Amino acid sequence: MHGIRKYIIAVFVAIAWYNAAELIVLCLSTFKVYRGWYFWSLFIASLSLFPICLGYIFYIFNPGISYYLSISLIIVSWSCMVTGHSLILWSRLHLIIRSPRVLHLTLAIIIVDAIIFHVSTAVLLYGSHADNVPLANRFSRGYNIMERVQLIVFCVQELLISGIYLWETAKMLRLHPGPLHHKVLSQFLIINIFIIILDVAVVGIQFAGYYALQVTFKPVAYSLKFKLEYAILGRLIALATSPSNQSPISYKSQPTRTQ
């Protein structure tokens, strides 16, 4: 590996770990009560940034650590980080959607995708390090394909949930026009465009063939998404609780800031 690439990987890992530490402190200080889908999804997803970076360091640089240990760290933390982010998005859908059908269907999609793609990717990654070389090569080819597929699937899944937010927020604006609503929608659009750029960057680096850079950039991208959660949630609550919005909205997963 070229020296410059090692430095870039080190920078990505340092940024991800710094953001992870900041996110955990922010999460614990923001919530008064540590319960609910939103809190635990955000907390566990933020916590997973530490082991996923460590696992990729072991996997890429191979400092004498068992590949199976590094793979286990990667698989568990990747599942928590990616599916955790989708659950974060889902757990605040109730702020703008009151249709149980949409909420249940979205959750079902997240669960089914997690089972299919996390399990199959884990099997292929473990198999690619089997002692039987021909068998390991077949698993390795399958993993190279599945990694790209699952990356695109989870990207589309997040874009789908974000699209639901944009659609429902636009509907609320039409029903309750006003300066606050337009300001919130504009900010929400900017935040979601930035998230889309992060997703496209991850997929682009993957298909460009820069594996080591892509896998260490992913935690950075997700740490930025988690940071944006606090801005997004604050704006959704402002929109949902504004005087012009008389719709009944549940706040079971709403975080309460400390005074």
C-alpha atoms as a PDB file:
ATOM      1  CA  MET A   1       0.000   0.000   0.000  1.00  0.00           C
ATOM      2  CA  HIS A   2       1.301   3.447  -0.930  1.00  0.00           C
ATOM      3  CA  GLY A   3       2.387   5.746   1.894  1.00  0.00           C
ATOM      4  CA  ILE A   4      -0.105   8.469   0.997  1.00  0.00           C
ATOM      5  CA  ARG A   5      -2.969   5.987   1.171  1.00  0.00           C
ATOM      6  CA  LYS A   6      -1.899   4.914   4.656  1.00  0.00           C
ATOM      7  CA  TYR A   7      -2.001   8.529   5.808  1.00  0.00           C
ATOM      8  CA  ILE A   8      -5.472   9.006   4.312  1.00  0.00           C
ATOM      9  CA  ILE A   9      -6.725   5.876   6.091  1.00  0.00           C
ATOM     10  CA  ALA A  10      -5.231   7.130   9.367  1.00  0.00           C
ATOM     11  CA  VAL A  11      -6.994  10.477   8.922  1.00  0.00           C
ATOM     12  CA  PHE A  12     -10.335   8.771   8.197  1.00  0.00           C
ATOM     13  CA  VAL A  13     -10.015   6.554  11.285  1.00  0.00           C
ATOM     14  CA  ALA A  14      -9.054   9.510  13.491  1.00  0.00           C
ATOM     15  CA  ILE A  15     -12.035  11.554  12.266  1.00  0.00           C
ATOM     16  CA  ALA A  16     -14.445   8.638  12.750  1.00  0.00           C
ATOM     17  CA  TRP A  17     -13.205   7.937  16.290  1.00  0.00           C
ATOM     18  CA  TYR A  18     -13.320  11.614  17.258  1.00  0.00           C
ATOM     19  CA  ASN A  19     -16.859  11.935  15.928  1.00  0.00           C
ATOM     20  CA  ALA A  20     -17.848   8.702  17.698  1.00  0.00           C
ATOM     21  CA  ALA A  21     -16.611   9.989  21.064  1.00  0.00           C
ATOM     22  CA  GLU A  22     -18.402  13.292  20.515  1.00  0.00           C
ATOM     23  CA  LEU A  23     -21.616  11.532  19.451  1.00  0.00           C
ATOM     24  CA  ILE A  24     -21.686   9.277  22.512  1.00  0.00           C
ATOM     25  CA  VAL A  25     -21.186  12.223  24.872  1.00  0.00           C
ATOM     26  CA  LEU A  26     -23.827  14.210  22.980  1.00  0.00           C
ATOM     27  CA  CYS A  27     -26.271  11.302  23.044  1.00  0.00           C
ATOM     28  CA  LEU A  28     -25.889  10.689  26.785  1.00  0.00           C
ATOM     29  CA  SER A  29     -26.156  14.390  27.620  1.00  0.00           C
ATOM     30  CA  THR A  30     -29.080  15.105  25.263  1.00  0.00           C
ATOM     31  CA  PHE A  31     -31.452  12.389  26.490  1.00  0.00           C
ATOM     32  CA  LYS A  32     -32.851  12.546  30.010  1.00  0.00           C
ATOM     33  CA  VAL A  33     -34.300   9.038  29.802  1.00  0.00           C
ATOM     34  CA  TYR A  34     -32.263   6.284  28.166  1.00  0.00           C
ATOM     35  CA  ARG A  35     -34.959   4.275  26.440  1.00  0.00           C
ATOM     36  CA  GLY A  36     -36.838   3.998  23.162  1.00  0.00           C
ATOM     37  CA  TRP A  37     -35.944   3.009  19.616  1.00  0.00           C
ATOM     38  CA  TYR A  38     -34.464   6.387  18.783  1.00  0.00           C
ATOM     39  CA  PHE A  39     -32.062   6.574  21.724  1.00  0.00           C
ATOM     40  CA  TRP A  40     -30.773   3.011  21.500  1.00  0.00           C
ATOM     41  CA  SER A  41     -30.442   3.063  17.709  1.00  0.00           C
ATOM     42  CA  LEU A  42     -28.469   6.299  17.847  1.00  0.00           C
ATOM     43  CA  PHE A  43     -26.338   5.196  20.810  1.00  0.00           C
ATOM     44  CA  ILE A  44     -25.454   1.726  19.474  1.00  0.00           C
ATOM     45  CA  ALA A  45     -24.826   3.016  15.942  1.00  0.00           C
ATOM     46  CA  SER A  46     -22.496   5.703  17.317  1.00  0.00           C
ATOM     47  CA  LEU A  47     -20.712   3.173  19.538  1.00  0.00           C
ATOM     48  CA  SER A  48     -20.165   0.827  16.563  1.00  0.00           C
ATOM     49  CA  LEU A  49     -17.851   3.384  14.919  1.00  0.00           C
ATOM     50  CA  PHE A  50     -15.035   2.322  17.263  1.00  0.00           C
ATOM     51  CA  PRO A  51     -14.932  -1.444  16.541  1.00  0.00           C
ATOM     52  CA  ILE A  52     -15.557  -1.120  12.793  1.00  0.00           C
ATOM     53  CA  CYS A  53     -12.495   1.102  12.350  1.00  0.00           C
ATOM     54  CA  LEU A  54     -10.440  -1.201  14.570  1.00  0.00           C
ATOM     55  CA  GLY A  55     -11.601  -4.237  12.610  1.00  0.00           C
ATOM     56  CA  TYR A  56     -10.621  -2.694   9.280  1.00  0.00           C
ATOM     57  CA  ILE A  57      -7.215  -1.673  10.653  1.00  0.00           C
ATOM     58  CA  PHE A  58      -6.595  -5.296  11.650  1.00  0.00           C
ATOM     59  CA  TYR A  59      -7.970  -6.560   8.329  1.00  0.00           C
ATOM     60  CA  ILE A  60      -6.031  -4.195   6.056  1.00  0.00           C
ATOM     61  CA  PHE A  61      -2.677  -4.004   7.841  1.00  0.00           C
ATOM     62  CA  ASN A  62      -2.717  -7.539   9.339  1.00  0.00           C
ATOM     63  CA  PRO A  63      -0.617  -6.902  12.492  1.00  0.00           C
ATOM     64  CA  GLY A  64      -0.582 -10.593  13.405  1.00  0.00           C
ATOM     65  CA  ILE A  65      -4.212 -10.575  14.572  1.00  0.00           C
ATOM     66  CA  SER A  66      -6.469 -13.430  13.473  1.00  0.00           C
ATOM     67  CA  TYR A  67      -8.485 -12.576  10.372  1.00  0.00           C
ATOM     68  CA  TYR A  68     -11.527 -14.111  12.028  1.00  0.00           C
ATOM     69  CA  LEU A  69     -11.291 -11.601  14.890  1.00  0.00           C
ATOM     70  CA  SER A  70     -11.095  -8.648  12.502  1.00  0.00           C
ATOM     71  CA  ILE A  71     -13.927 -10.073  10.375  1.00  0.00           C
ATOM     72  CA  SER A  72     -16.121 -10.528  13.454  1.00  0.00           C
ATOM     73  CA  LEU A  73     -15.502  -6.925  14.517  1.00  0.00           C
ATOM     74  CA  ILE A  74     -16.328  -5.697  11.006  1.00  0.00           C
ATOM     75  CA  ILE A  75     -19.507  -7.750  10.563  1.00  0.00           C
ATOM     76  CA  VAL A  76     -21.064  -6.969  13.946  1.00  0.00           C
ATOM     77  CA  SER A  77     -20.203  -3.261  13.917  1.00  0.00           C
ATOM     78  CA  TRP A  78     -21.164  -2.819  10.233  1.00  0.00           C
ATOM     79  CA  SER A  79     -24.573  -4.328  10.948  1.00  0.00           C
ATOM     80  CA  CYS A  80     -25.068  -2.049  13.958  1.00  0.00           C
ATOM     81  CA  MET A  81     -23.900   1.028  12.059  1.00  0.00           C
ATOM     82  CA  VAL A  82     -25.873   0.588   8.830  1.00  0.00           C
ATOM     83  CA  THR A  83     -29.084  -0.984  10.091  1.00  0.00           C
ATOM     84  CA  GLY A  84     -28.805   1.232  13.160  1.00  0.00           C
ATOM     85  CA  HIS A  85     -28.926   4.300  10.933  1.00  0.00           C
ATOM     86  CA  SER A  86     -32.003   3.005   9.117  1.00  0.00           C
ATOM     87  CA  LEU A  87     -33.677   2.370  12.483  1.00  0.00           C
ATOM     88  CA  ILE A  88     -32.798   5.922  13.541  1.00  0.00           C
ATOM     89  CA  LEU A  89     -34.573   7.222  10.452  1.00  0.00           C
ATOM     90  CA  TRP A  90     -37.542   4.920  11.030  1.00  0.00           C
ATOM     91  CA  SER A  91     -37.896   5.723  14.745  1.00  0.00           C
ATOM     92  CA  ARG A  92     -38.634   9.400  14.045  1.00  0.00           C
ATOM     93  CA  LEU A  93     -41.034   8.785  11.155  1.00  0.00           C
ATOM     94  CA  HIS A  94     -43.945   9.025  13.596  1.00  0.00           C
ATOM     95  CA  LEU A  95     -43.264  12.748  13.942  1.00  0.00           C
ATOM     96  CA  ILE A  96     -44.714  13.403  10.493  1.00  0.00           C
ATOM     97  CA  ILE A  97     -46.552  10.169   9.571  1.00  0.00           C
ATOM     98  CA  ARG A  98     -49.571   8.796  11.410  1.00  0.00           C
ATOM     99  CA  SER A  99     -50.133   5.775   9.159  1.00  0.00           C
ATOM    100  CA  PRO A 100     -49.312   2.524  11.024  1.00  0.00           C
ATOM    101  CA  ARG A 101     -49.197   0.736   7.670  1.00  0.00           C
ATOM    102  CA  VAL A 102     -46.352   2.907   6.363  1.00  0.00           C
ATOM    103  CA  LEU A 103     -44.444   2.627   9.650  1.00  0.00           C
ATOM    104  CA  HIS A 104     -44.816  -1.169   9.796  1.00  0.00           C
ATOM    105  CA  LEU A 105     -43.929  -1.616   6.121  1.00  0.00           C
ATOM    106  CA  THR A 106     -40.809   0.520   6.476  1.00  0.00           C
ATOM    107  CA  LEU A 107     -39.690  -1.445   9.534  1.00  0.00           C
ATOM    108  CA  ALA A 108     -40.322  -4.730   7.698  1.00  0.00           C
ATOM    109  CA  ILE A 109     -38.124  -3.591   4.791  1.00  0.00           C
ATOM    110  CA  ILE A 110     -35.308  -2.696   7.197  1.00  0.00           C
ATOM    111  CA  ILE A 111     -35.508  -6.058   8.979  1.00  0.00           C
ATOM    112  CA  VAL A 112     -35.713  -8.136   5.782  1.00  0.00           C
ATOM    113  CA  ASP A 113     -32.791  -6.293   4.163  1.00  0.00           C
ATOM    114  CA  ALA A 114     -30.725  -6.705   7.329  1.00  0.00           C
ATOM    115  CA  ILE A 115     -31.342 -10.460   7.501  1.00  0.00           C
ATOM    116  CA  ILE A 116     -30.701 -11.102   3.806  1.00  0.00           C
ATOM    117  CA  PHE A 117     -27.657  -8.934   3.226  1.00  0.00           C
ATOM    118  CA  HIS A 118     -25.870  -8.954   6.581  1.00  0.00           C
ATOM    119  CA  VAL A 119     -26.109 -12.731   6.909  1.00  0.00           C
ATOM    120  CA  SER A 120     -25.093 -13.484   3.304  1.00  0.00           C
ATOM    121  CA  THR A 121     -22.202 -10.990   3.430  1.00  0.00           C
ATOM    122  CA  ALA A 122     -20.981 -12.487   6.717  1.00  0.00           C
ATOM    123  CA  VAL A 123     -21.044 -16.042   5.328  1.00  0.00           C
ATOM    124  CA  LEU A 124     -19.154 -15.022   2.186  1.00  0.00           C
ATOM    125  CA  LEU A 125     -16.560 -13.000   4.105  1.00  0.00           C
ATOM    126  CA  TYR A 126     -15.857 -15.814   6.561  1.00  0.00           C
ATOM    127  CA  GLY A 127     -15.752 -18.314   3.701  1.00  0.00           C
ATOM    128  CA  SER A 128     -13.239 -16.203   1.760  1.00  0.00           C
ATOM    129  CA  HIS A 129     -10.683 -17.001   4.479  1.00  0.00           C
ATOM    130  CA  ALA A 130     -11.240 -20.760   4.530  1.00  0.00           C
ATOM    131  CA  ASP A 131      -8.193 -23.053   4.590  1.00  0.00           C
ATOM    132  CA  ASN A 132      -9.319 -24.679   1.343  1.00  0.00           C
ATOM    133  CA  VAL A 133      -7.862 -22.268  -1.248  1.00  0.00           C
ATOM    134  CA  PRO A 134     -10.186 -23.098  -4.215  1.00  0.00           C
ATOM    135  CA  LEU A 135     -13.203 -22.846  -1.908  1.00  0.00           C
ATOM    136  CA  ALA A 136     -11.906 -19.592  -0.417  1.00  0.00           C
ATOM    137  CA  ASN A 137     -11.478 -18.135  -3.916  1.00  0.00           C
ATOM    138  CA  ARG A 138     -15.100 -18.923  -4.793  1.00  0.00           C
ATOM    139  CA  PHE A 139     -16.314 -17.311  -1.587  1.00  0.00           C
ATOM    140  CA  SER A 140     -14.058 -14.320  -2.264  1.00  0.00           C
ATOM    141  CA  ARG A 141     -15.590 -13.770  -5.708  1.00  0.00           C
ATOM    142  CA  GLY A 142     -19.052 -13.994  -4.197  1.00  0.00           C
ATOM    143  CA  TYR A 143     -18.119 -11.545  -1.455  1.00  0.00           C
ATOM    144  CA  ASN A 144     -16.757  -8.997  -3.933  1.00  0.00           C
ATOM    145  CA  ILE A 145     -20.111  -9.033  -5.721  1.00  0.00           C
ATOM    146  CA  MET A 146     -22.256  -9.094  -2.584  1.00  0.00           C
ATOM    147  CA  GLU A 147     -20.360  -6.228  -0.976  1.00  0.00           C
ATOM    148  CA  ARG A 148     -21.231  -3.941  -3.876  1.00  0.00           C
ATOM    149  CA  VAL A 149     -24.826  -5.163  -3.983  1.00  0.00           C
ATOM    150  CA  GLN A 150     -25.466  -4.690  -0.268  1.00  0.00           C
ATOM    151  CA  LEU A 151     -23.810  -1.271  -0.327  1.00  0.00           C
ATOM    152  CA  ILE A 152     -26.220  -0.139  -3.058  1.00  0.00           C
ATOM    153  CA  VAL A 153     -29.231  -1.770  -1.356  1.00  0.00           C
ATOM    154  CA  PHE A 154     -28.608  -0.027   1.969  1.00  0.00           C
ATOM    155  CA  CYS A 155     -27.964   3.244   0.157  1.00  0.00           C
ATOM    156  CA  VAL A 156     -31.296   2.927  -1.693  1.00  0.00           C
ATOM    157  CA  GLN A 157     -33.030   1.957   1.555  1.00  0.00           C
ATOM    158  CA  GLU A 158     -31.823   5.131   3.273  1.00  0.00           C
ATOM    159  CA  LEU A 159     -32.744   7.228   0.250  1.00  0.00           C
ATOM    160  CA  LEU A 160     -36.231   5.681   0.297  1.00  0.00           C
ATOM    161  CA  ILE A 161     -36.788   6.608   3.936  1.00  0.00           C
ATOM    162  CA  SER A 162     -35.377  10.100   3.351  1.00  0.00           C
ATOM    163  CA  GLY A 163     -37.715  10.405   0.366  1.00  0.00           C
ATOM    164  CA  ILE A 164     -40.684   9.627   2.619  1.00  0.00           C
ATOM    165  CA  TYR A 165     -39.599  12.448   4.914  1.00  0.00           C
ATOM    166  CA  LEU A 166     -39.288  14.901   2.038  1.00  0.00           C
ATOM    167  CA  TRP A 167     -42.684  13.899   0.631  1.00  0.00           C
ATOM    168  CA  GLU A 168     -44.492  14.142   3.966  1.00  0.00           C
ATOM    169  CA  THR A 169     -42.756  17.391   4.897  1.00  0.00           C
ATOM    170  CA  ALA A 170     -43.799  18.908   1.555  1.00  0.00           C
ATOM    171  CA  LYS A 171     -47.404  17.814   2.238  1.00  0.00           C
ATOM    172  CA  MET A 172     -47.303  19.510   5.634  1.00  0.00           C
ATOM    173  CA  LEU A 173     -46.051  22.680   3.966  1.00  0.00           C
ATOM    174  CA  ARG A 174     -48.953  22.695   1.525  1.00  0.00           C
ATOM    175  CA  LEU A 175     -51.425  22.233   4.371  1.00  0.00           C
ATOM    176  CA  HIS A 176     -49.757  24.746   6.678  1.00  0.00           C
ATOM    177  CA  PRO A 177     -47.909  27.375   4.633  1.00  0.00           C
ATOM    178  CA  GLY A 178     -45.823  29.827   6.600  1.00  0.00           C
ATOM    179  CA  PRO A 179     -42.289  31.169   7.043  1.00  0.00           C
ATOM    180  CA  LEU A 180     -41.358  28.597   9.704  1.00  0.00           C
ATOM    181  CA  HIS A 181     -42.456  25.666   7.550  1.00  0.00           C
ATOM    182  CA  HIS A 182     -40.625  26.950   4.478  1.00  0.00           C
ATOM    183  CA  LYS A 183     -37.464  27.540   6.514  1.00  0.00           C
ATOM    184  CA  VAL A 184     -37.625  24.028   7.960  1.00  0.00           C
ATOM    185  CA  LEU A 185     -38.178  22.442   4.537  1.00  0.00           C
ATOM    186  CA  SER A 186     -35.269  24.369   3.011  1.00  0.00           C
ATOM    187  CA  GLN A 187     -32.940  23.277   5.818  1.00  0.00           C
ATOM    188  CA  PHE A 188     -34.237  19.721   5.605  1.00  0.00           C
ATOM    189  CA  LEU A 189     -33.607  19.622   1.843  1.00  0.00           C
ATOM    190  CA  ILE A 190     -30.038  20.874   2.284  1.00  0.00           C
ATOM    191  CA  ILE A 191     -29.311  18.280   4.978  1.00  0.00           C
ATOM    192  CA  ASN A 192     -30.726  15.438   2.876  1.00  0.00           C
ATOM    193  CA  ILE A 193     -28.778  16.555  -0.198  1.00  0.00           C
ATOM    194  CA  PHE A 194     -25.601  16.413   1.889  1.00  0.00           C
ATOM    195  CA  ILE A 195     -26.514  12.895   3.076  1.00  0.00           C
ATOM    196  CA  ILE A 196     -27.096  11.816  -0.539  1.00  0.00           C
ATOM    197  CA  ILE A 197     -23.666  13.213  -1.483  1.00  0.00           C
ATOM    198  CA  LEU A 198     -22.098  11.108   1.292  1.00  0.00           C
ATOM    199  CA  ASP A 199     -23.870   7.968   0.018  1.00  0.00           C
ATOM    200  CA  VAL A 200     -22.798   8.638  -3.571  1.00  0.00           C
ATOM    201  CA  ALA A 201     -19.214   9.233  -2.418  1.00  0.00           C
ATOM    202  CA  VAL A 202     -19.114   5.885  -0.589  1.00  0.00           C
ATOM    203  CA  VAL A 203     -20.507   3.996  -3.595  1.00  0.00           C
ATOM    204  CA  GLY A 204     -18.222   5.884  -5.995  1.00  0.00           C
ATOM    205  CA  ILE A 205     -15.058   5.070  -4.028  1.00  0.00           C
ATOM    206  CA  GLN A 206     -16.171   1.428  -3.853  1.00  0.00           C
ATOM    207  CA  PHE A 207     -16.652   1.079  -7.615  1.00  0.00           C
ATOM    208  CA  ALA A 208     -13.423   2.985  -8.291  1.00  0.00           C
ATOM    209  CA  GLY A 209     -11.597   0.055  -6.712  1.00  0.00           C
ATOM    210  CA  TYR A 210     -10.167   1.827  -3.653  1.00  0.00           C
ATOM    211  CA  TYR A 211     -11.211  -0.798  -1.121  1.00  0.00           C
ATOM    212  CA  ALA A 212      -9.099   0.359   1.834  1.00  0.00           C
ATOM    213  CA  LEU A 213     -10.164   3.974   1.383  1.00  0.00           C
ATOM    214  CA  GLN A 214     -13.824   3.065   0.936  1.00  0.00           C
ATOM    215  CA  VAL A 215     -14.120   0.910   4.050  1.00  0.00           C
ATOM    216  CA  THR A 216     -12.465   3.533   6.265  1.00  0.00           C
ATOM    217  CA  PHE A 217     -14.424   6.401   4.708  1.00  0.00           C
ATOM    218  CA  LYS A 218     -17.750   4.682   5.471  1.00  0.00           C
ATOM    219  CA  PRO A 219     -17.458   5.232   9.257  1.00  0.00           C
ATOM    220  CA  VAL A 220     -16.636   8.896   8.595  1.00  0.00           C
ATOM    221  CA  ALA A 221     -19.708   9.255   6.368  1.00  0.00           C
ATOM    222  CA  TYR A 222     -21.990   7.583   8.907  1.00  0.00           C
ATOM    223  CA  SER A 223     -20.574   9.604  11.798  1.00  0.00           C
ATOM    224  CA  LEU A 224     -21.494  12.767   9.887  1.00  0.00           C
ATOM    225  CA  LYS A 225     -24.991  11.368   9.256  1.00  0.00           C
ATOM    226  CA  PHE A 226     -25.402  10.690  12.973  1.00  0.00           C
ATOM    227  CA  LYS A 227     -24.332  14.253  13.788  1.00  0.00           C
ATOM    228  CA  LEU A 228     -26.902  15.591  11.360  1.00  0.00           C
ATOM    229  CA  GLU A 229     -29.577  13.623  13.241  1.00  0.00           C
ATOM    230  CA  TYR A 230     -29.693  16.211  15.981  1.00  0.00           C
ATOM    231  CA  ALA A 231     -30.236  19.025  13.491  1.00  0.00           C
ATOM    232  CA  ILE A 232     -32.878  17.057  11.556  1.00  0.00           C
ATOM    233  CA  LEU A 233     -34.827  16.008  14.641  1.00  0.00           C
ATOM    234  CA  GLY A 234     -34.847  19.533  16.023  1.00  0.00           C
ATOM    235  CA  ARG A 235     -36.315  20.881  12.796  1.00  0.00           C
ATOM    236  CA  LEU A 236     -38.919  18.127  12.550  1.00  0.00           C
ATOM    237  CA  ILE A 237     -40.056  18.815  16.110  1.00  0.00           C
ATOM    238  CA  ALA A 238     -40.210  22.550  15.373  1.00  0.00           C
ATOM    239  CA  LEU A 239     -42.368  21.810  12.327  1.00  0.00           C
ATOM    240  CA  ALA A 240     -44.622  19.320  14.100  1.00  0.00           C
ATOM    241  CA  THR A 241     -45.175  21.486  17.202  1.00  0.00           C
ATOM    242  CA  SER A 242     -45.641  24.821  15.442  1.00  0.00           C
ATOM    243  CA  PRO A 243     -48.958  26.589  16.289  1.00  0.00           C
ATOM    244  CA  SER A 244     -50.231  26.219  12.703  1.00  0.00           C
ATOM    245  CA  ASN A 245     -49.940  22.443  12.848  1.00  0.00           C
ATOM    246  CA  GLN A 246     -52.879  21.026  14.762  1.00  0.00           C
ATOM    247  CA  SER A 247     -52.252  17.389  13.818  1.00  0.00           C
ATOM    248  CA  PRO A 248     -51.874  14.941  16.715  1.00  0.00           C
ATOM    249  CA  ILE A 249     -48.339  13.636  16.784  1.00  0.00           C
ATOM    250  CA  SER A 250     -46.803  11.080  19.123  1.00  0.00           C
ATOM    251  CA  TYR A 251     -43.510  11.830  20.893  1.00  0.00           C
ATOM    252  CA  LYS A 252     -42.632   8.441  22.324  1.00  0.00           C
ATOM    253  CA  SER A 253     -39.160   8.494  20.783  1.00  0.00           C
ATOM    254  CA  GLN A 254     -38.581  12.229  21.072  1.00  0.00           C
ATOM    255  CA  PRO A 255     -35.403  13.080  22.994  1.00  0.00           C
ATOM    256  CA  THR A 256     -35.702  15.618  25.766  1.00  0.00           C
ATOM    257  CA  ARG A 257     -32.839  18.027  26.095  1.00  0.00           C
ATOM    258  CA  THR A 258     -31.361  18.703  29.488  1.00  0.00           C
ATOM    259  CA  GLN A 259     -31.988  22.090  30.929  1.00  0.00           C
END
